[in-house]
């Protein structure tokens, strides 16, 4: 993975790991033609991005997407519970402004 042109190495992260894990990572780095540090950083960043995207992305089926858009276009009237929550919100906001 190419390093971002604007990324600067300012922070440090120390890691303790088993000898066999280090040997495996060194072998993988050598196979990929990267330094140990470059391989570790690129692999960690790639996996971190994947995990963050997985947790921050919602994928809807066609049916659910159509239902969602239909509700946005034609929302149901607010329930009494929602009205009470909105009133409480207004009271709190006015009190703290």
Protein backbone atom coordinates (compact mmCIF):
# COMPACT_ATOMS: atom_id res chain seq x y z
CA UNK A 1 0.00 0.00 0.00
CA UNK A 2 1.46 3.34 -1.00
CA UNK A 3 2.15 5.78 1.74
CA UNK A 4 0.04 8.94 1.76
CA UNK A 5 2.09 11.84 0.40
CA UNK A 6 1.02 14.02 3.32
CA UNK A 7 1.59 11.40 6.04
CA UNK A 8 4.49 12.21 8.34
CA UNK A 9 6.00 9.83 10.86
CA UNK A 10 5.58 11.79 14.06
CA UNK A 11 4.05 9.23 16.41
CA UNK A 12 5.47 6.02 17.69
CA UNK A 13 3.84 2.70 18.54
CA UNK A 14 5.75 0.00 20.41
CA UNK A 15 4.48 -3.56 20.18
CA UNK A 16 5.48 -6.70 22.02
CA UNK A 17 4.88 -9.94 20.18
CA UNK A 18 5.87 -13.58 20.20
CA UNK A 19 9.09 -14.48 18.37
CA UNK A 20 7.24 -16.67 15.87
CA UNK A 21 4.87 -13.80 15.04
CA UNK A 22 7.79 -11.45 14.45
CA UNK A 23 9.50 -14.02 12.21
CA UNK A 24 6.30 -14.49 10.19
CA UNK A 25 5.83 -10.74 9.80
CA UNK A 26 9.48 -10.29 8.76
CA UNK A 27 9.07 -13.03 6.14
CA UNK A 28 5.88 -11.45 4.79
CA UNK A 29 7.57 -8.04 4.65
CA UNK A 30 10.50 -9.52 2.74
CA UNK A 31 8.17 -11.28 0.28
CA UNK A 32 6.33 -8.03 -0.32
CA UNK A 33 9.56 -6.07 -0.79
CA UNK A 34 8.84 -3.70 2.09
CA UNK A 35 10.77 -2.84 5.20
CA UNK A 36 9.44 -4.35 8.40
CA UNK A 37 8.15 -0.97 9.53
CA UNK A 38 6.62 -0.14 6.14
CA UNK A 39 4.91 -3.53 5.96
CA UNK A 40 3.60 -3.30 9.52
CA UNK A 41 2.25 0.23 9.08
CA UNK A 42 0.64 -0.41 5.68
CA UNK A 43 -0.96 -3.64 6.90
CA UNK A 44 -2.25 -2.08 10.11
CA UNK A 45 -3.63 0.98 8.31
CA UNK A 46 -5.31 -1.13 5.61
CA UNK A 47 -6.96 -3.39 8.19
CA UNK A 48 -7.93 -0.43 10.40
CA UNK A 49 -9.62 1.28 7.45
CA UNK A 50 -11.48 -1.93 6.58
CA UNK A 51 -12.74 -2.38 10.14
CA UNK A 52 -13.79 1.27 10.49
CA UNK A 53 -15.61 1.16 7.16
CA UNK A 54 -17.34 -2.08 8.15
CA UNK A 55 -18.65 -0.46 11.32
CA UNK A 56 -19.56 2.91 9.80
CA UNK A 57 -21.26 1.74 6.60
CA UNK A 58 -24.84 0.56 6.38
CA UNK A 59 -25.73 -1.59 3.39
CA UNK A 60 -29.41 -1.94 2.63
CA UNK A 61 -31.15 -4.46 0.44
CA UNK A 62 -33.09 -3.05 -2.51
CA UNK A 63 -36.33 -3.55 -0.59
CA UNK A 64 -35.02 -1.78 2.53
CA UNK A 65 -33.51 1.07 0.49
CA UNK A 66 -36.82 1.63 -1.30
CA UNK A 67 -38.68 1.60 2.03
CA UNK A 68 -36.18 4.06 3.55
CA UNK A 69 -36.48 6.47 0.62
CA UNK A 70 -40.28 6.18 0.65
CA UNK A 71 -40.35 7.09 4.36
CA UNK A 72 -38.07 10.07 3.72
CA UNK A 73 -40.33 11.24 0.90
CA UNK A 74 -43.54 10.66 2.85
CA UNK A 75 -42.82 10.45 6.59
CA UNK A 76 -45.50 9.22 8.97
CA UNK A 77 -46.99 11.78 11.37
CA UNK A 78 -45.09 12.14 14.64
CA UNK A 79 -46.26 9.89 17.47
CA UNK A 80 -47.23 11.32 20.84
CA UNK A 81 -44.00 9.93 22.28
CA UNK A 82 -41.98 11.78 19.64
CA UNK A 83 -43.90 14.99 20.33
CA UNK A 84 -43.11 14.70 24.06
CA UNK A 85 -39.45 14.06 23.29
CA UNK A 86 -39.31 17.11 21.01
CA UNK A 87 -40.94 19.27 23.69
CA UNK A 88 -38.46 18.04 26.29
CA UNK A 89 -35.61 18.77 23.89
CA UNK A 90 -36.86 22.33 23.36
CA UNK A 91 -37.09 22.83 27.13
CA UNK A 92 -33.53 21.62 27.66
CA UNK A 93 -32.08 23.66 24.79
CA UNK A 94 -33.78 26.88 25.91
CA UNK A 95 -32.66 26.31 29.48
CA UNK A 96 -28.97 25.97 28.49
CA UNK A 97 -28.74 28.69 25.86
